[in-house]
PDB file of all heavy atoms in Angstrom:
ATOM      1  N   ASP A   1      52.730   6.391 -37.537  1.00  0.00           N
ATOM      2  CA  ASP A   1      53.760   6.718 -38.532  1.00  0.00           C
ATOM      3  C   ASP A   1      53.327   7.881 -39.423  1.00  0.00           C
ATOM      4  O   ASP A   1      54.157   8.467 -40.121  1.00  0.00           O
ATOM      5  CB  ASP A   1      54.054   5.507 -39.422  1.00  0.00           C
ATOM      6  CG  ASP A   1      54.599   4.322 -38.642  1.00  0.00           C
ATOM      7  OD1 ASP A   1      55.185   4.532 -37.552  1.00  0.00           O
ATOM      8  OD2 ASP A   1      54.432   3.180 -39.115  1.00  0.00           O
ATOM      9  N   TRP A   2      52.047   8.204 -39.442  1.00  0.00           N
ATOM     10  CA  TRP A   2      51.520   9.268 -40.293  1.00  0.00           C
ATOM     11  C   TRP A   2      51.601  10.649 -39.641  1.00  0.00           C
ATOM     12  O   TRP A   2      51.351  11.653 -40.299  1.00  0.00           O
ATOM     13  CB  TRP A   2      50.072   8.996 -40.666  1.00  0.00           C
ATOM     14  CG  TRP A   2      49.852   7.739 -41.455  1.00  0.00           C
ATOM     15  CD1 TRP A   2      50.766   7.080 -42.237  1.00  0.00           C
ATOM     16  CD2 TRP A   2      48.645   6.996 -41.545  1.00  0.00           C
ATOM     17  NE1 TRP A   2      50.186   5.979 -42.801  1.00  0.00           N
ATOM     18  CE2 TRP A   2      48.886   5.894 -42.392  1.00  0.00           C
ATOM     19  CE3 TRP A   2      47.377   7.145 -40.991  1.00  0.00           C
ATOM     20  CZ2 TRP A   2      47.908   4.966 -42.707  1.00  0.00           C
ATOM     21  CZ3 TRP A   2      46.406   6.228 -41.299  1.00  0.00           C
ATOM     22  CH2 TRP A   2      46.663   5.143 -42.156  1.00  0.00           C
ATOM     23  N   ILE A   3      51.919  10.717 -38.347  1.00  0.00           N
ATOM     24  CA  ILE A   3      51.978  12.016 -37.670  1.00  0.00           C
ATOM     25  C   ILE A   3      52.997  12.906 -38.375  1.00  0.00           C
ATOM     26  O   ILE A   3      54.126  12.491 -38.641  1.00  0.00           O
ATOM     27  CB  ILE A   3      52.292  11.856 -36.175  1.00  0.00           C
ATOM     28  CG1 ILE A   3      51.125  11.133 -35.478  1.00  0.00           C
ATOM     29  CG2 ILE A   3      52.571  13.208 -35.506  1.00  0.00           C
ATOM     30  CD1 ILE A   3      51.368  10.762 -34.043  1.00  0.00           C
ATOM     31  N   GLY A   4      52.555  14.126 -38.707  1.00  0.00           N
ATOM     32  CA  GLY A   4      53.394  15.073 -39.426  1.00  0.00           C
ATOM     33  C   GLY A   4      53.297  14.947 -40.938  1.00  0.00           C
ATOM     34  O   GLY A   4      53.909  15.719 -41.664  1.00  0.00           O
ATOM     35  N   LYS A   5      52.522  13.975 -41.398  1.00  0.00           N
ATOM     36  CA  LYS A   5      52.385  13.743 -42.842  1.00  0.00           C
ATOM     37  C   LYS A   5      50.982  14.112 -43.311  1.00  0.00           C
ATOM     38  O   LYS A   5      50.068  14.261 -42.514  1.00  0.00           O
ATOM     39  CB  LYS A   5      52.689  12.295 -43.171  1.00  0.00           C
ATOM     40  CG  LYS A   5      54.123  11.918 -42.828  1.00  0.00           C
ATOM     41  CD  LYS A   5      54.436  10.506 -43.184  1.00  0.00           C
ATOM     42  CE  LYS A   5      55.888  10.211 -42.820  1.00  0.00           C
ATOM     43  NZ  LYS A   5      56.255   8.857 -43.140  1.00  0.00           N
ATOM     44  N   GLN A   6      50.844  14.233 -44.624  1.00  0.00           N
ATOM     45  CA  GLN A   6      49.538  14.523 -45.212  1.00  0.00           C
ATOM     46  C   GLN A   6      48.988  13.260 -45.875  1.00  0.00           C
ATOM     47  O   GLN A   6      49.739  12.485 -46.469  1.00  0.00           O
ATOM     48  CB  GLN A   6      49.629  15.663 -46.216  1.00  0.00           C
ATOM     49  CG  GLN A   6      49.876  16.991 -45.531  1.00  0.00           C
ATOM     50  CD  GLN A   6      49.668  18.179 -46.446  1.00  0.00           C
ATOM     51  OE1 GLN A   6      49.191  18.061 -47.560  1.00  0.00           O
ATOM     52  NE2 GLN A   6      50.019  19.353 -45.952  1.00  0.00           N
ATOM     53  N   LEU A   7      47.677  13.093 -45.744  1.00  0.00           N
ATOM     54  CA  LEU A   7      46.969  11.987 -46.370  1.00  0.00           C
ATOM     55  C   LEU A   7      45.998  12.547 -47.396  1.00  0.00           C
ATOM     56  O   LEU A   7      45.356  13.570 -47.149  1.00  0.00           O
ATOM     57  CB  LEU A   7      46.173  11.185 -45.334  1.00  0.00           C
ATOM     58  CG  LEU A   7      46.920  10.609 -44.139  1.00  0.00           C
ATOM     59  CD1 LEU A   7      45.937   9.887 -43.219  1.00  0.00           C
ATOM     60  CD2 LEU A   7      48.025   9.675 -44.586  1.00  0.00           C
ATOM     61  N   SER A   8      45.899  11.867 -48.512  1.00  0.00           N
ATOM     62  CA  SER A   8      44.869  12.178 -49.498  1.00  0.00           C
ATOM     63  C   SER A   8      43.822  11.080 -49.402  1.00  0.00           C
ATOM     64  O   SER A   8      44.151   9.890 -49.477  1.00  0.00           O
ATOM     65  CB  SER A   8      45.457  12.199 -50.911  1.00  0.00           C
ATOM     66  OG  SER A   8      46.390  13.238 -51.035  1.00  0.00           O
ATOM     67  N   VAL A   9      42.581  11.483 -49.201  1.00  0.00           N
ATOM     68  CA  VAL A   9      41.461  10.551 -49.108  1.00  0.00           C
ATOM     69  C   VAL A   9      40.340  11.138 -49.944  1.00  0.00           C
ATOM     70  O   VAL A   9      39.876  12.251 -49.661  1.00  0.00           O
ATOM     71  CB  VAL A   9      40.973  10.368 -47.655  1.00  0.00           C
ATOM     72  CG1 VAL A   9      39.934   9.262 -47.576  1.00  0.00           C
ATOM     73  CG2 VAL A   9      42.119  10.108 -46.695  1.00  0.00           C
ATOM     74  N   GLY A  10      39.891  10.403 -50.964  1.00  0.00           N
ATOM     75  CA  GLY A  10      38.907  10.993 -51.870  1.00  0.00           C
ATOM     76  C   GLY A  10      39.490  12.271 -52.442  1.00  0.00           C
ATOM     77  O   GLY A  10      40.652  12.313 -52.859  1.00  0.00           O
ATOM     78  N   SER A  11      38.720  13.333 -52.382  1.00  0.00           N
ATOM     79  CA  SER A  11      39.230  14.624 -52.868  1.00  0.00           C
ATOM     80  C   SER A  11      39.703  15.521 -51.725  1.00  0.00           C
ATOM     81  O   SER A  11      40.018  16.679 -51.933  1.00  0.00           O
ATOM     82  CB  SER A  11      38.150  15.337 -53.699  1.00  0.00           C
ATOM     83  OG  SER A  11      36.995  15.556 -52.926  1.00  0.00           O
ATOM     84  N   ALA A  12      39.775  14.968 -50.519  1.00  0.00           N
ATOM     85  CA  ALA A  12      40.213  15.737 -49.342  1.00  0.00           C
ATOM     86  C   ALA A  12      41.697  15.513 -49.063  1.00  0.00           C
ATOM     87  O   ALA A  12      42.257  14.462 -49.393  1.00  0.00           O
ATOM     88  CB  ALA A  12      39.404  15.325 -48.111  1.00  0.00           C
ATOM     89  N   GLN A  13      42.312  16.497 -48.445  1.00  0.00           N
ATOM     90  CA  GLN A  13      43.707  16.417 -48.005  1.00  0.00           C
ATOM     91  C   GLN A  13      43.713  16.642 -46.495  1.00  0.00           C
ATOM     92  O   GLN A  13      43.185  17.650 -46.016  1.00  0.00           O
ATOM     93  CB  GLN A  13      44.544  17.489 -48.691  1.00  0.00           C
ATOM     94  CG  GLN A  13      46.012  17.391 -48.433  1.00  0.00           C
ATOM     95  CD  GLN A  13      46.701  16.449 -49.409  1.00  0.00           C
ATOM     96  OE1 GLN A  13      46.224  16.247 -50.510  1.00  0.00           O
ATOM     97  NE2 GLN A  13      47.794  15.860 -48.989  1.00  0.00           N
ATOM     98  N   LEU A  14      44.302  15.710 -45.754  1.00  0.00           N
ATOM     99  CA  LEU A  14      44.340  15.785 -44.299  1.00  0.00           C
ATOM    100  C   LEU A  14      45.773  15.869 -43.816  1.00  0.00           C
ATOM    101  O   LEU A  14      46.664  15.238 -44.383  1.00  0.00           O
ATOM    102  CB  LEU A  14      43.672  14.549 -43.683  1.00  0.00           C
ATOM    103  CG  LEU A  14      42.262  14.219 -44.150  1.00  0.00           C
ATOM    104  CD1 LEU A  14      41.802  12.902 -43.536  1.00  0.00           C
ATOM    105  CD2 LEU A  14      41.312  15.341 -43.819  1.00  0.00           C
ATOM    106  N   GLN A  15      45.992  16.626 -42.746  1.00  0.00           N
ATOM    107  CA  GLN A  15      47.290  16.711 -42.080  1.00  0.00           C
ATOM    108  C   GLN A  15      47.164  15.946 -40.770  1.00  0.00           C
ATOM    109  O   GLN A  15      46.354  16.311 -39.913  1.00  0.00           O
ATOM    110  CB  GLN A  15      47.653  18.170 -41.800  1.00  0.00           C
ATOM    111  CG  GLN A  15      48.899  18.363 -40.955  1.00  0.00           C
ATOM    112  CD  GLN A  15      50.178  18.034 -41.694  1.00  0.00           C
ATOM    113  OE1 GLN A  15      50.306  18.357 -42.869  1.00  0.00           O
ATOM    114  NE2 GLN A  15      51.103  17.375 -41.026  1.00  0.00           N
ATOM    115  N   VAL A  16      47.951  14.876 -40.608  1.00  0.00           N
ATOM    116  CA  VAL A  16      47.906  14.095 -39.379  1.00  0.00           C
ATOM    117  C   VAL A  16      48.761  14.817 -38.345  1.00  0.00           C
ATOM    118  O   VAL A  16      49.954  15.022 -38.540  1.00  0.00           O
ATOM    119  CB  VAL A  16      48.381  12.653 -39.601  1.00  0.00           C
ATOM    120  CG1 VAL A  16      48.295  11.861 -38.303  1.00  0.00           C
ATOM    121  CG2 VAL A  16      47.542  11.990 -40.694  1.00  0.00           C
ATOM    122  N   ASP A  17      48.115  15.232 -37.252  1.00  0.00           N
ATOM    123  CA  ASP A  17      48.744  16.124 -36.283  1.00  0.00           C
ATOM    124  C   ASP A  17      49.302  15.445 -35.044  1.00  0.00           C
ATOM    125  O   ASP A  17      50.393  15.773 -34.597  1.00  0.00           O
ATOM    126  CB  ASP A  17      47.739  17.202 -35.848  1.00  0.00           C
ATOM    127  CG  ASP A  17      47.253  18.026 -37.020  1.00  0.00           C
ATOM    128  OD1 ASP A  17      48.089  18.445 -37.830  1.00  0.00           O
ATOM    129  OD2 ASP A  17      46.026  18.234 -37.115  1.00  0.00           O
ATOM    130  N   GLN A  18      48.540  14.528 -34.445  1.00  0.00           N
ATOM    131  CA  GLN A  18      48.975  13.949 -33.168  1.00  0.00           C
ATOM    132  C   GLN A  18      48.159  12.718 -32.846  1.00  0.00           C
ATOM    133  O   GLN A  18      47.121  12.462 -33.447  1.00  0.00           O
ATOM    134  CB  GLN A  18      48.831  14.965 -32.049  1.00  0.00           C
ATOM    135  CG  GLN A  18      47.390  15.355 -31.769  1.00  0.00           C
ATOM    136  CD  GLN A  18      47.289  16.471 -30.750  1.00  0.00           C
ATOM    137  OE1 GLN A  18      47.978  17.467 -30.856  1.00  0.00           O
ATOM    138  NE2 GLN A  18      46.432  16.296 -29.754  1.00  0.00           N
ATOM    139  N   TYR A  19      48.669  11.973 -31.850  1.00  0.00           N
ATOM    140  CA  TYR A  19      47.918  10.834 -31.320  1.00  0.00           C
ATOM    141  C   TYR A  19      46.654  11.308 -30.621  1.00  0.00           C
ATOM    142  O   TYR A  19      46.589  12.441 -30.142  1.00  0.00           O
ATOM    143  CB  TYR A  19      48.742  10.063 -30.288  1.00  0.00           C
ATOM    144  CG  TYR A  19      49.723   9.080 -30.875  1.00  0.00           C
ATOM    145  CD1 TYR A  19      51.088   9.315 -30.798  1.00  0.00           C
ATOM    146  CD2 TYR A  19      49.286   7.910 -31.483  1.00  0.00           C
ATOM    147  CE1 TYR A  19      52.001   8.404 -31.313  1.00  0.00           C
ATOM    148  CE2 TYR A  19      50.184   7.003 -32.004  1.00  0.00           C
ATOM    149  CZ  TYR A  19      51.535   7.254 -31.920  1.00  0.00           C
ATOM    150  OH  TYR A  19      52.437   6.366 -32.429  1.00  0.00           O
ATOM    151  N   CYS A  20      45.700  10.418 -30.516  1.00  0.00           N
ATOM    152  CA  CYS A  20      44.501  10.670 -29.716  1.00  0.00           C
ATOM    153  C   CYS A  20      44.704   9.988 -28.364  1.00  0.00           C
ATOM    154  O   CYS A  20      44.877   8.775 -28.292  1.00  0.00           O
ATOM    155  CB  CYS A  20      43.266  10.091 -30.411  1.00  0.00           C
ATOM    156  SG  CYS A  20      41.771  10.226 -29.418  1.00  0.00           S
ATOM    157  N   GLU A  21      44.708  10.788 -27.306  1.00  0.00           N
ATOM    158  CA  GLU A  21      44.803  10.241 -25.961  1.00  0.00           C
ATOM    159  C   GLU A  21      43.404   9.838 -25.526  1.00  0.00           C
ATOM    160  O   GLU A  21      42.486  10.660 -25.512  1.00  0.00           O
ATOM    161  CB  GLU A  21      45.395  11.265 -24.997  1.00  0.00           C
ATOM    162  CG  GLU A  21      45.659  10.690 -23.633  1.00  0.00           C
ATOM    163  CD  GLU A  21      46.375  11.671 -22.723  1.00  0.00           C
ATOM    164  OE1 GLU A  21      47.405  12.232 -23.139  1.00  0.00           O
ATOM    165  OE2 GLU A  21      45.872  11.868 -21.604  1.00  0.00           O
ATOM    166  N   ARG A  22      43.231   8.578 -25.176  1.00  0.00           N
ATOM    167  CA  ARG A  22      41.907   8.024 -24.904  1.00  0.00           C
ATOM    168  C   ARG A  22      41.439   8.319 -23.480  1.00  0.00           C
ATOM    169  O   ARG A  22      42.243   8.494 -22.554  1.00  0.00           O
ATOM    170  CB  ARG A  22      41.898   6.516 -25.139  1.00  0.00           C
ATOM    171  CG  ARG A  22      42.326   6.098 -26.531  1.00  0.00           C
ATOM    172  CD  ARG A  22      41.831   6.957 -27.679  1.00  0.00           C
ATOM    173  NE  ARG A  22      40.412   7.077 -27.800  1.00  0.00           N
ATOM    174  CZ  ARG A  22      39.751   7.127 -28.949  1.00  0.00           C
ATOM    175  NH1 ARG A  22      40.392   7.050 -30.087  1.00  0.00           N
ATOM    176  NH2 ARG A  22      38.457   7.285 -28.962  1.00  0.00           N
ATOM    177  N   CYS A  23      40.114   8.339 -23.331  1.00  0.00           N
ATOM    178  CA  CYS A  23      39.485   8.604 -22.036  1.00  0.00           C
ATOM    179  C   CYS A  23      38.504   7.475 -21.719  1.00  0.00           C
ATOM    180  O   CYS A  23      38.412   6.486 -22.441  1.00  0.00           O
ATOM    181  CB  CYS A  23      38.756   9.953 -22.078  1.00  0.00           C
ATOM    182  SG  CYS A  23      37.319   9.962 -23.178  1.00  0.00           S
ATOM    183  N   MET A  24      37.734   7.652 -20.675  1.00  0.00           N
ATOM    184  CA  MET A  24      36.780   6.635 -20.211  1.00  0.00           C
ATOM    185  C   MET A  24      35.711   6.270 -21.235  1.00  0.00           C
ATOM    186  O   MET A  24      35.090   5.222 -21.121  1.00  0.00           O
ATOM    187  CB  MET A  24      36.103   7.116 -18.921  1.00  0.00           C
ATOM    188  CG  MET A  24      37.013   7.181 -17.724  1.00  0.00           C
ATOM    189  SD  MET A  24      37.664   5.569 -17.237  1.00  0.00           S
ATOM    190  CE  MET A  24      36.192   4.774 -16.649  1.00  0.00           C
ATOM    191  N   MET A  25      35.483   7.102 -22.237  1.00  0.00           N
ATOM    192  CA  MET A  25      34.423   6.813 -23.215  1.00  0.00           C
ATOM    193  C   MET A  25      34.624   5.473 -23.914  1.00  0.00           C
ATOM    194  O   MET A  25      33.663   4.807 -24.266  1.00  0.00           O
ATOM    195  CB  MET A  25      34.312   7.931 -24.253  1.00  0.00           C
ATOM    196  CG  MET A  25      33.730   9.214 -23.715  1.00  0.00           C
ATOM    197  SD  MET A  25      32.051   9.022 -23.059  1.00  0.00           S
ATOM    198  CE  MET A  25      31.162   8.631 -24.550  1.00  0.00           C
ATOM    199  N   ILE A  26      35.879   5.053 -24.115  1.00  0.00           N
ATOM    200  CA  ILE A  26      36.116   3.783 -24.812  1.00  0.00           C
ATOM    201  C   ILE A  26      35.700   2.577 -23.977  1.00  0.00           C
ATOM    202  O   ILE A  26      35.578   1.479 -24.510  1.00  0.00           O
ATOM    203  CB  ILE A  26      37.572   3.628 -25.273  1.00  0.00           C
ATOM    204  CG1 ILE A  26      38.539   3.492 -24.099  1.00  0.00           C
ATOM    205  CG2 ILE A  26      37.964   4.759 -26.212  1.00  0.00           C
ATOM    206  CD1 ILE A  26      39.946   3.076 -24.486  1.00  0.00           C
ATOM    207  N   THR A  27      35.475   2.777 -22.685  1.00  0.00           N
ATOM    208  CA  THR A  27      35.092   1.660 -21.817  1.00  0.00           C
ATOM    209  C   THR A  27      33.615   1.295 -21.965  1.00  0.00           C
ATOM    210  O   THR A  27      33.184   0.252 -21.499  1.00  0.00           O
ATOM    211  CB  THR A  27      35.368   1.979 -20.333  1.00  0.00           C
ATOM    212  OG1 THR A  27      34.486   3.005 -19.880  1.00  0.00           O
ATOM    213  CG2 THR A  27      36.812   2.392 -20.111  1.00  0.00           C
ATOM    214  N   ILE A  28      32.833   2.125 -22.630  1.00  0.00           N
ATOM    215  CA  ILE A  28      31.383   1.914 -22.733  1.00  0.00           C
ATOM    216  C   ILE A  28      31.047   1.101 -23.981  1.00  0.00           C
ATOM    217  O   ILE A  28      31.363   1.503 -25.103  1.00  0.00           O
ATOM    218  CB  ILE A  28      30.641   3.262 -22.742  1.00  0.00           C
ATOM    219  CG1 ILE A  28      30.937   4.021 -21.455  1.00  0.00           C
ATOM    220  CG2 ILE A  28      29.135   3.059 -22.936  1.00  0.00           C
ATOM    221  CD1 ILE A  28      30.435   5.448 -21.439  1.00  0.00           C
ATOM    222  N   ASP A  29      30.397  -0.041 -23.774  1.00  0.00           N
ATOM    223  CA  ASP A  29      29.935  -0.866 -24.885  1.00  0.00           C
ATOM    224  C   ASP A  29      28.858  -0.099 -25.640  1.00  0.00           C
ATOM    225  O   ASP A  29      27.866   0.334 -25.031  1.00  0.00           O
ATOM    226  CB  ASP A  29      29.382  -2.190 -24.352  1.00  0.00           C
ATOM    227  CG  ASP A  29      28.938  -3.116 -25.453  1.00  0.00           C
ATOM    228  OD1 ASP A  29      27.949  -2.790 -26.141  1.00  0.00           O
ATOM    229  OD2 ASP A  29      29.572  -4.173 -25.621  1.00  0.00           O
ATOM    230  N   PRO A  30      29.001   0.100 -26.957  1.00  0.00           N
ATOM    231  CA  PRO A  30      28.031   0.917 -27.687  1.00  0.00           C
ATOM    232  C   PRO A  30      26.632   0.306 -27.785  1.00  0.00           C
ATOM    233  O   PRO A  30      25.671   1.025 -28.028  1.00  0.00           O
ATOM    234  CB  PRO A  30      28.659   1.067 -29.070  1.00  0.00           C
ATOM    235  CG  PRO A  30      29.658  -0.009 -29.182  1.00  0.00           C
ATOM    236  CD  PRO A  30      30.095  -0.348 -27.801  1.00  0.00           C
ATOM    237  N   ASP A  31      26.507  -0.999 -27.579  1.00  0.00           N
ATOM    238  CA  ASP A  31      25.190  -1.638 -27.639  1.00  0.00           C
ATOM    239  C   ASP A  31      24.508  -1.705 -26.279  1.00  0.00           C
ATOM    240  O   ASP A  31      23.336  -1.382 -26.144  1.00  0.00           O
ATOM    241  CB  ASP A  31      25.295  -3.050 -28.235  1.00  0.00           C
ATOM    242  CG  ASP A  31      25.650  -3.017 -29.706  1.00  0.00           C
ATOM    243  OD1 ASP A  31      25.163  -2.115 -30.430  1.00  0.00           O
ATOM    244  OD2 ASP A  31      26.424  -3.887 -30.141  1.00  0.00           O
ATOM    245  N   THR A  32      25.274  -2.109 -25.250  1.00  0.00           N
ATOM    246  CA  THR A  32      24.669  -2.317 -23.923  1.00  0.00           C
ATOM    247  C   THR A  32      24.853  -1.128 -22.991  1.00  0.00           C
ATOM    248  O   THR A  32      24.191  -1.057 -21.964  1.00  0.00           O
ATOM    249  CB  THR A  32      25.300  -3.546 -23.249  1.00  0.00           C
ATOM    250  OG1 THR A  32      26.679  -3.263 -22.973  1.00  0.00           O
ATOM    251  CG2 THR A  32      25.165  -4.799 -24.115  1.00  0.00           C
ATOM    252  N   LEU A  33      25.779  -0.241 -23.321  1.00  0.00           N
ATOM    253  CA  LEU A  33      26.178   0.904 -22.488  1.00  0.00           C
ATOM    254  C   LEU A  33      26.839   0.484 -21.182  1.00  0.00           C
ATOM    255  O   LEU A  33      27.046   1.299 -20.291  1.00  0.00           O
ATOM    256  CB  LEU A  33      24.997   1.841 -22.228  1.00  0.00           C
ATOM    257  CG  LEU A  33      24.309   2.396 -23.467  1.00  0.00           C
ATOM    258  CD1 LEU A  33      23.164   3.315 -23.065  1.00  0.00           C
ATOM    259  CD2 LEU A  33      25.294   3.119 -24.360  1.00  0.00           C
ATOM    260  N   GLU A  34      27.214  -0.800 -21.091  1.00  0.00           N
ATOM    261  CA  GLU A  34      27.913  -1.301 -19.913  1.00  0.00           C
ATOM    262  C   GLU A  34      29.386  -0.921 -20.002  1.00  0.00           C
ATOM    263  O   GLU A  34      30.029  -1.134 -21.026  1.00  0.00           O
ATOM    264  CB  GLU A  34      27.786  -2.827 -19.820  1.00  0.00           C
ATOM    265  CG  GLU A  34      26.383  -3.307 -19.531  1.00  0.00           C
ATOM    266  CD  GLU A  34      25.896  -2.905 -18.151  1.00  0.00           C
ATOM    267  OE1 GLU A  34      26.683  -2.977 -17.186  1.00  0.00           O
ATOM    268  OE2 GLU A  34      24.724  -2.515 -18.049  1.00  0.00           O
ATOM    269  N   PRO A  35      29.946  -0.371 -18.923  1.00  0.00           N
ATOM    270  CA  PRO A  35      31.372  -0.030 -18.939  1.00  0.00           C
ATOM    271  C   PRO A  35      32.251  -1.237 -18.619  1.00  0.00           C
ATOM    272  O   PRO A  35      31.841  -2.144 -17.905  1.00  0.00           O
ATOM    273  CB  PRO A  35      31.487   1.023 -17.839  1.00  0.00           C
ATOM    274  CG  PRO A  35      30.380   0.697 -16.896  1.00  0.00           C
ATOM    275  CD  PRO A  35      29.267   0.099 -17.722  1.00  0.00           C
ATOM    276  N   ASP A  36      33.435  -1.247 -19.193  1.00  0.00           N
ATOM    277  CA  ASP A  36      34.459  -2.246 -18.866  1.00  0.00           C
ATOM    278  C   ASP A  36      35.781  -1.496 -18.789  1.00  0.00           C
ATOM    279  O   ASP A  36      36.438  -1.237 -19.799  1.00  0.00           O
ATOM    280  CB  ASP A  36      34.512  -3.345 -19.927  1.00  0.00           C
ATOM    281  CG  ASP A  36      35.469  -4.473 -19.541  1.00  0.00           C
ATOM    282  OD1 ASP A  36      36.360  -4.249 -18.683  1.00  0.00           O
ATOM    283  OD2 ASP A  36      35.344  -5.568 -20.120  1.00  0.00           O
ATOM    284  N   LYS A  37      36.154  -1.123 -17.562  1.00  0.00           N
ATOM    285  CA  LYS A  37      37.338  -0.294 -17.346  1.00  0.00           C
ATOM    286  C   LYS A  37      38.633  -1.006 -17.704  1.00  0.00           C
ATOM    287  O   LYS A  37      39.673  -0.360 -17.853  1.00  0.00           O
ATOM    288  CB  LYS A  37      37.367   0.199 -15.899  1.00  0.00           C
ATOM    289  CG  LYS A  37      36.231   1.145 -15.587  1.00  0.00           C
ATOM    290  CD  LYS A  37      36.257   1.591 -14.153  1.00  0.00           C
ATOM    291  CE  LYS A  37      35.045   2.482 -13.882  1.00  0.00           C
ATOM    292  NZ  LYS A  37      34.970   2.912 -12.496  1.00  0.00           N
ATOM    293  N   SER A  38      38.577  -2.328 -17.878  1.00  0.00           N
ATOM    294  CA  SER A  38      39.798  -3.056 -18.215  1.00  0.00           C
ATOM    295  C   SER A  38      40.328  -2.650 -19.593  1.00  0.00           C
ATOM    296  O   SER A  38      41.534  -2.753 -19.836  1.00  0.00           O
ATOM    297  CB  SER A  38      39.571  -4.572 -18.156  1.00  0.00           C
ATOM    298  OG  SER A  38      38.713  -5.004 -19.202  1.00  0.00           O
ATOM    299  N   LEU A  39      39.477  -2.160 -20.488  1.00  0.00           N
ATOM    300  CA  LEU A  39      39.946  -1.719 -21.802  1.00  0.00           C
ATOM    301  C   LEU A  39      40.835  -0.488 -21.676  1.00  0.00           C
ATOM    302  O   LEU A  39      41.929  -0.438 -22.236  1.00  0.00           O
ATOM    303  CB  LEU A  39      38.773  -1.434 -22.753  1.00  0.00           C
ATOM    304  CG  LEU A  39      39.175  -0.891 -24.129  1.00  0.00           C
ATOM    305  CD1 LEU A  39      40.131  -1.829 -24.852  1.00  0.00           C
ATOM    306  CD2 LEU A  39      37.938  -0.622 -24.964  1.00  0.00           C
ATOM    307  N   LEU A  40      40.389   0.508 -20.924  1.00  0.00           N
ATOM    308  CA  LEU A  40      41.200   1.716 -20.750  1.00  0.00           C
ATOM    309  C   LEU A  40      42.504   1.380 -20.028  1.00  0.00           C
ATOM    310  O   LEU A  40      43.565   1.906 -20.370  1.00  0.00           O
ATOM    311  CB  LEU A  40      40.425   2.793 -19.992  1.00  0.00           C
ATOM    312  CG  LEU A  40      41.127   4.141 -19.890  1.00  0.00           C
ATOM    313  CD1 LEU A  40      41.362   4.757 -21.262  1.00  0.00           C
ATOM    314  CD2 LEU A  40      40.311   5.102 -19.024  1.00  0.00           C
ATOM    315  N   LYS A  41      42.434   0.471 -19.077  1.00  0.00           N
ATOM    316  CA  LYS A  41      43.644   0.045 -18.371  1.00  0.00           C
ATOM    317  C   LYS A  41      44.632  -0.586 -19.351  1.00  0.00           C
ATOM    318  O   LYS A  41      45.827  -0.286 -19.324  1.00  0.00           O
ATOM    319  CB  LYS A  41      43.289  -0.940 -17.266  1.00  0.00           C
ATOM    320  CG  LYS A  41      44.478  -1.394 -16.456  1.00  0.00           C
ATOM    321  CD  LYS A  41      44.067  -2.315 -15.329  1.00  0.00           C
ATOM    322  CE  LYS A  41      45.307  -2.744 -14.561  1.00  0.00           C
ATOM    323  NZ  LYS A  41      45.000  -3.697 -13.513  1.00  0.00           N
ATOM    324  N   LYS A  42      44.137  -1.428 -20.261  1.00  0.00           N
ATOM    325  CA  LYS A  42      44.998  -2.086 -21.242  1.00  0.00           C
ATOM    326  C   LYS A  42      45.584  -1.063 -22.215  1.00  0.00           C
ATOM    327  O   LYS A  42      46.773  -1.120 -22.545  1.00  0.00           O
ATOM    328  CB  LYS A  42      44.215  -3.163 -21.995  1.00  0.00           C
ATOM    329  CG  LYS A  42      45.037  -3.966 -22.967  1.00  0.00           C
ATOM    330  CD  LYS A  42      46.223  -4.685 -22.345  1.00  0.00           C
ATOM    331  CE  LYS A  42      45.839  -5.794 -21.417  1.00  0.00           C
ATOM    332  NZ  LYS A  42      46.992  -6.531 -20.871  1.00  0.00           N
ATOM    333  N   VAL A  43      44.777  -0.108 -22.675  1.00  0.00           N
ATOM    334  CA  VAL A  43      45.270   0.938 -23.579  1.00  0.00           C
ATOM    335  C   VAL A  43      46.337   1.772 -22.875  1.00  0.00           C
ATOM    336  O   VAL A  43      47.342   2.145 -23.481  1.00  0.00           O
ATOM    337  CB  VAL A  43      44.113   1.825 -24.102  1.00  0.00           C
ATOM    338  CG1 VAL A  43      44.626   3.040 -24.850  1.00  0.00           C
ATOM    339  CG2 VAL A  43      43.192   1.005 -25.009  1.00  0.00           C
ATOM    340  N   ASN A  44      46.161   2.022 -21.597  1.00  0.00           N
ATOM    341  CA  ASN A  44      47.156   2.767 -20.823  1.00  0.00           C
ATOM    342  C   ASN A  44      48.452   1.973 -20.695  1.00  0.00           C
ATOM    343  O   ASN A  44      49.537   2.487 -20.966  1.00  0.00           O
ATOM    344  CB  ASN A  44      46.606   3.136 -19.454  1.00  0.00           C
ATOM    345  CG  ASN A  44      47.572   3.985 -18.643  1.00  0.00           C
ATOM    346  OD1 ASN A  44      48.234   4.859 -19.180  1.00  0.00           O
ATOM    347  ND2 ASN A  44      47.646   3.713 -17.356  1.00  0.00           N
ATOM    348  N   GLU A  45      48.340   0.709 -20.294  1.00  0.00           N
ATOM    349  CA  GLU A  45      49.521  -0.132 -20.059  1.00  0.00           C
ATOM    350  C   GLU A  45      50.305  -0.408 -21.344  1.00  0.00           C
ATOM    351  O   GLU A  45      51.531  -0.363 -21.350  1.00  0.00           O
ATOM    352  CB  GLU A  45      49.107  -1.481 -19.453  1.00  0.00           C
ATOM    353  CG  GLU A  45      48.580  -1.397 -18.054  1.00  0.00           C
ATOM    354  CD  GLU A  45      47.962  -2.704 -17.580  1.00  0.00           C
ATOM    355  OE1 GLU A  45      47.792  -3.652 -18.387  1.00  0.00           O
ATOM    356  OE2 GLU A  45      47.637  -2.766 -16.382  1.00  0.00           O
TER     357      GLU A  45
END
């Protein structure tokens, strides 16, 4: 809902431009580095 709008955070001003299209990086567990492709599949679906 913020796309096209400006946000004020602290003393900064941000312009929200677009969605982030996700890639395979989200499938990697940050602790174990084990991939789980079902997450990207769910985000896609």
